[in-house]
Amino acid sequence: MDEFLRRWEELPDLKNAELIDGVVFVASPVSREHSRLDTRIIVWLYYYAQATPGCDNGNNGTWLMSGSAPQPDVYLCILPSHGGQSGNKGP
């Protein structure tokens, strides 16, 4: 994990790379259809999070968990203040 994060910091132009169970995956460019659907999901989760106390959402954030660093297109999480188990760690 440390080596992955070190190299990630050295490559600022690299936008989508994930470390999953010790294997690095670099995503291919996404299609227009993917972008369109991604935007709809982001908007949907934004409004859900705004209407639901203790929720937050975002996109393209790297998650550090169990030796892996996936980078989901979009996420919804429960804040620690409301019993959620996620937090902000790492770079």
N, C-alpha and C. Protein backbone atom coordinates (compact mmCIF):
# COMPACT_ATOMS: atom_id res chain seq x y z
N MET A 1 0.83 -1.19 0.00
CA MET A 1 0.00 0.00 0.00
C MET A 1 0.87 1.25 0.00
N ASP A 2 1.90 1.30 0.86
CA ASP A 2 2.75 2.49 0.93
C ASP A 2 3.43 2.77 -0.40
N GLU A 3 3.91 1.72 -1.06
CA GLU A 3 4.58 1.89 -2.36
C GLU A 3 3.59 2.41 -3.40
N PHE A 4 2.39 1.88 -3.41
CA PHE A 4 1.36 2.35 -4.33
C PHE A 4 1.09 3.83 -4.13
N LEU A 5 0.89 4.23 -2.88
CA LEU A 5 0.58 5.63 -2.59
C LEU A 5 1.77 6.54 -2.91
N ARG A 6 2.99 6.07 -2.69
CA ARG A 6 4.16 6.87 -3.03
C ARG A 6 4.22 7.11 -4.53
N ARG A 7 4.02 6.06 -5.31
CA ARG A 7 4.05 6.21 -6.77
C ARG A 7 2.89 7.06 -7.26
N TRP A 8 1.73 6.92 -6.62
CA TRP A 8 0.56 7.73 -6.98
C TRP A 8 0.89 9.21 -6.85
N GLU A 9 1.54 9.57 -5.75
CA GLU A 9 1.91 10.97 -5.52
C GLU A 9 2.92 11.47 -6.54
N GLU A 10 3.77 10.57 -7.06
CA GLU A 10 4.79 10.95 -8.03
C GLU A 10 4.22 11.13 -9.45
N LEU A 11 2.99 10.70 -9.68
CA LEU A 11 2.38 10.76 -11.01
C LEU A 11 1.11 11.60 -10.97
N PRO A 12 1.24 12.93 -10.87
CA PRO A 12 0.05 13.76 -10.72
C PRO A 12 -0.91 13.72 -11.92
N ASP A 13 -0.43 13.31 -13.09
CA ASP A 13 -1.31 13.22 -14.26
C ASP A 13 -2.12 11.93 -14.29
N LEU A 14 -1.78 10.98 -13.45
CA LEU A 14 -2.52 9.72 -13.38
C LEU A 14 -3.79 9.96 -12.57
N LYS A 15 -4.93 9.74 -13.20
CA LYS A 15 -6.21 10.06 -12.56
C LYS A 15 -6.93 8.85 -11.99
N ASN A 16 -6.84 7.70 -12.63
CA ASN A 16 -7.61 6.53 -12.20
C ASN A 16 -6.73 5.30 -12.10
N ALA A 17 -6.26 5.04 -10.91
CA ALA A 17 -5.51 3.80 -10.64
C ALA A 17 -6.00 3.26 -9.31
N GLU A 18 -6.10 1.95 -9.24
CA GLU A 18 -6.59 1.31 -8.02
C GLU A 18 -5.67 0.18 -7.64
N LEU A 19 -5.49 -0.02 -6.35
CA LEU A 19 -4.77 -1.17 -5.82
C LEU A 19 -5.81 -2.08 -5.20
N ILE A 20 -6.01 -3.25 -5.79
CA ILE A 20 -7.01 -4.20 -5.32
C ILE A 20 -6.31 -5.52 -5.02
N ASP A 21 -6.27 -5.89 -3.75
CA ASP A 21 -5.64 -7.14 -3.32
C ASP A 21 -4.23 -7.30 -3.88
N GLY A 22 -3.44 -6.21 -3.85
CA GLY A 22 -2.05 -6.26 -4.28
C GLY A 22 -1.82 -6.10 -5.77
N VAL A 23 -2.87 -5.92 -6.56
CA VAL A 23 -2.74 -5.76 -8.01
C VAL A 23 -3.17 -4.35 -8.37
N VAL A 24 -2.34 -3.64 -9.17
CA VAL A 24 -2.67 -2.29 -9.61
C VAL A 24 -3.46 -2.36 -10.91
N PHE A 25 -4.59 -1.66 -10.94
CA PHE A 25 -5.43 -1.57 -12.12
C PHE A 25 -5.47 -0.10 -12.56
N VAL A 26 -5.21 0.14 -13.83
CA VAL A 26 -5.33 1.48 -14.40
C VAL A 26 -6.49 1.42 -15.38
N ALA A 27 -7.49 2.23 -15.12
CA ALA A 27 -8.72 2.17 -15.92
C ALA A 27 -8.52 2.76 -17.31
N SER A 28 -9.25 2.22 -18.25
CA SER A 28 -9.30 2.77 -19.60
C SER A 28 -10.17 4.02 -19.58
N PRO A 29 -10.00 4.90 -20.56
CA PRO A 29 -10.90 6.06 -20.63
C PRO A 29 -12.35 5.59 -20.72
N VAL A 30 -13.25 6.33 -20.09
CA VAL A 30 -14.65 5.93 -20.07
C VAL A 30 -15.41 6.55 -21.25
N SER A 31 -16.52 5.92 -21.57
CA SER A 31 -17.34 6.36 -22.70
C SER A 31 -18.25 7.52 -22.31
N ARG A 32 -18.84 8.11 -23.30
CA ARG A 32 -19.81 9.19 -23.08
C ARG A 32 -21.01 8.65 -22.29
N GLU A 33 -21.45 7.45 -22.61
CA GLU A 33 -22.58 6.83 -21.90
C GLU A 33 -22.24 6.65 -20.42
N HIS A 34 -21.04 6.18 -20.12
CA HIS A 34 -20.60 6.02 -18.74
C HIS A 34 -20.65 7.38 -18.03
N SER A 35 -20.13 8.40 -18.68
CA SER A 35 -20.11 9.74 -18.10
C SER A 35 -21.51 10.25 -17.83
N ARG A 36 -22.42 10.02 -18.76
CA ARG A 36 -23.81 10.46 -18.60
C ARG A 36 -24.46 9.79 -17.40
N LEU A 37 -24.31 8.47 -17.30
CA LEU A 37 -24.90 7.73 -16.19
C LEU A 37 -24.24 8.08 -14.86
N ASP A 38 -22.93 8.27 -14.89
CA ASP A 38 -22.18 8.65 -13.70
C ASP A 38 -22.71 9.97 -13.14
N THR A 39 -22.96 10.92 -14.01
CA THR A 39 -23.48 12.22 -13.59
C THR A 39 -24.85 12.07 -12.95
N ARG A 40 -25.70 11.25 -13.53
CA ARG A 40 -27.04 11.05 -12.95
C ARG A 40 -26.96 10.42 -11.56
N ILE A 41 -26.06 9.47 -11.38
CA ILE A 41 -25.92 8.83 -10.07
C ILE A 41 -25.35 9.82 -9.05
N ILE A 42 -24.39 10.64 -9.47
CA ILE A 42 -23.82 11.64 -8.56
C ILE A 42 -24.92 12.60 -8.09
N VAL A 43 -25.74 13.08 -9.01
CA VAL A 43 -26.81 14.01 -8.65
C VAL A 43 -27.81 13.34 -7.73
N TRP A 44 -28.20 12.12 -8.04
CA TRP A 44 -29.15 11.37 -7.20
C TRP A 44 -28.61 11.22 -5.78
N LEU A 45 -27.34 10.79 -5.65
CA LEU A 45 -26.77 10.60 -4.32
C LEU A 45 -26.56 11.93 -3.59
N TYR A 46 -26.28 12.99 -4.34
CA TYR A 46 -26.15 14.31 -3.71
C TYR A 46 -27.47 14.69 -3.03
N TYR A 47 -28.58 14.58 -3.76
CA TYR A 47 -29.86 14.95 -3.18
C TYR A 47 -30.25 14.02 -2.04
N TYR A 48 -29.93 12.75 -2.15
CA TYR A 48 -30.21 11.81 -1.06
C TYR A 48 -29.42 12.21 0.19
N ALA A 49 -28.12 12.49 0.01
CA ALA A 49 -27.28 12.85 1.15
C ALA A 49 -27.75 14.16 1.80
N GLN A 50 -28.19 15.11 0.98
CA GLN A 50 -28.67 16.38 1.52
C GLN A 50 -29.95 16.19 2.34
N ALA A 51 -30.77 15.22 1.96
CA ALA A 51 -32.04 14.99 2.63
C ALA A 51 -31.95 13.99 3.78
N THR A 52 -30.79 13.35 3.96
CA THR A 52 -30.64 12.30 4.95
C THR A 52 -29.55 12.68 5.95
N PRO A 53 -29.94 13.03 7.17
CA PRO A 53 -28.94 13.40 8.17
C PRO A 53 -27.90 12.30 8.37
N GLY A 54 -26.65 12.71 8.45
CA GLY A 54 -25.57 11.76 8.71
C GLY A 54 -25.00 11.11 7.47
N CYS A 55 -25.45 11.51 6.29
CA CYS A 55 -24.92 10.94 5.05
C CYS A 55 -24.06 11.97 4.33
N ASP A 56 -23.12 11.45 3.57
CA ASP A 56 -22.29 12.29 2.72
C ASP A 56 -22.04 11.53 1.42
N ASN A 57 -21.71 12.26 0.37
CA ASN A 57 -21.42 11.60 -0.90
C ASN A 57 -20.25 12.30 -1.57
N GLY A 58 -19.69 11.65 -2.56
CA GLY A 58 -18.58 12.23 -3.32
C GLY A 58 -18.30 11.36 -4.54
N ASN A 59 -17.24 11.73 -5.26
CA ASN A 59 -16.87 10.92 -6.41
C ASN A 59 -15.36 10.92 -6.59
N ASN A 60 -14.87 9.84 -7.18
CA ASN A 60 -13.46 9.66 -7.53
C ASN A 60 -12.51 9.83 -6.36
N GLY A 61 -12.94 9.50 -5.18
CA GLY A 61 -12.07 9.53 -4.01
C GLY A 61 -11.48 8.15 -3.76
N THR A 62 -10.20 8.09 -3.50
CA THR A 62 -9.56 6.80 -3.22
C THR A 62 -9.88 6.38 -1.80
N TRP A 63 -10.29 5.14 -1.64
CA TRP A 63 -10.58 4.59 -0.33
C TRP A 63 -9.42 3.70 0.08
N LEU A 64 -8.99 3.78 1.32
CA LEU A 64 -7.95 2.91 1.84
C LEU A 64 -8.61 1.90 2.77
N MET A 65 -8.57 0.63 2.36
CA MET A 65 -9.23 -0.39 3.18
C MET A 65 -8.60 -1.74 2.96
N SER A 66 -8.26 -2.40 4.03
CA SER A 66 -7.76 -3.78 4.00
C SER A 66 -6.65 -3.99 2.97
N GLY A 67 -5.69 -3.08 2.88
CA GLY A 67 -4.59 -3.24 1.94
C GLY A 67 -4.92 -2.92 0.51
N SER A 68 -6.11 -2.40 0.26
CA SER A 68 -6.53 -2.03 -1.09
C SER A 68 -6.83 -0.54 -1.14
N ALA A 69 -6.79 0.02 -2.34
CA ALA A 69 -7.11 1.43 -2.53
C ALA A 69 -8.01 1.58 -3.75
N PRO A 70 -9.28 1.14 -3.65
CA PRO A 70 -10.19 1.30 -4.80
C PRO A 70 -10.57 2.76 -4.98
N GLN A 71 -10.91 3.12 -6.19
CA GLN A 71 -11.33 4.48 -6.51
C GLN A 71 -12.71 4.41 -7.17
N PRO A 72 -13.77 4.44 -6.36
CA PRO A 72 -15.11 4.31 -6.92
C PRO A 72 -15.51 5.55 -7.72
N ASP A 73 -16.37 5.34 -8.72
CA ASP A 73 -16.88 6.47 -9.49
C ASP A 73 -17.63 7.44 -8.60
N VAL A 74 -18.41 6.90 -7.69
CA VAL A 74 -19.24 7.71 -6.80
C VAL A 74 -19.49 6.90 -5.53
N TYR A 75 -19.70 7.59 -4.43
CA TYR A 75 -19.96 6.87 -3.17
C TYR A 75 -20.95 7.62 -2.31
N LEU A 76 -21.58 6.87 -1.42
CA LEU A 76 -22.46 7.40 -0.38
C LEU A 76 -21.98 6.77 0.91
N CYS A 77 -21.80 7.56 1.95
CA CYS A 77 -21.35 6.98 3.21
C CYS A 77 -22.13 7.57 4.38
N ILE A 78 -22.12 6.82 5.47
CA ILE A 78 -22.69 7.30 6.72
C ILE A 78 -21.54 7.91 7.50
N LEU A 79 -21.73 9.13 7.96
CA LEU A 79 -20.68 9.83 8.69
C LEU A 79 -20.41 9.17 10.05
N PRO A 80 -19.16 9.21 10.51
CA PRO A 80 -18.83 8.63 11.83
C PRO A 80 -19.71 9.20 12.95
N SER A 81 -20.09 10.46 12.85
CA SER A 81 -20.95 11.07 13.87
C SER A 81 -22.33 10.42 13.97
N HIS A 82 -22.67 9.64 12.94
CA HIS A 82 -23.96 8.95 12.91
C HIS A 82 -23.80 7.44 12.88
N GLY A 83 -22.65 6.95 13.34
CA GLY A 83 -22.42 5.51 13.43
C GLY A 83 -21.67 4.91 12.26
N GLY A 84 -21.30 5.71 11.26
CA GLY A 84 -20.54 5.21 10.13
C GLY A 84 -19.12 4.84 10.53
N GLN A 85 -18.51 3.96 9.79
CA GLN A 85 -17.18 3.46 10.13
C GLN A 85 -16.09 4.00 9.18
N SER A 86 -16.44 4.91 8.28
CA SER A 86 -15.44 5.47 7.37
C SER A 86 -14.86 6.74 7.98
N GLY A 87 -13.73 7.14 7.45
CA GLY A 87 -13.08 8.36 7.92
C GLY A 87 -12.09 8.85 6.88
N ASN A 88 -11.39 9.89 7.19
CA ASN A 88 -10.39 10.44 6.28
C ASN A 88 -9.00 10.10 6.80
N LYS A 89 -8.32 9.21 6.10
CA LYS A 89 -6.96 8.82 6.46
C LYS A 89 -6.14 8.78 5.18
N GLY A 90 -4.84 8.86 5.33
CA GLY A 90 -3.96 8.78 4.17
C GLY A 90 -3.72 10.14 3.57
N PRO A 91 -3.13 10.14 2.36
CA PRO A 91 -2.78 11.42 1.75
C PRO A 91 -3.98 12.23 1.32
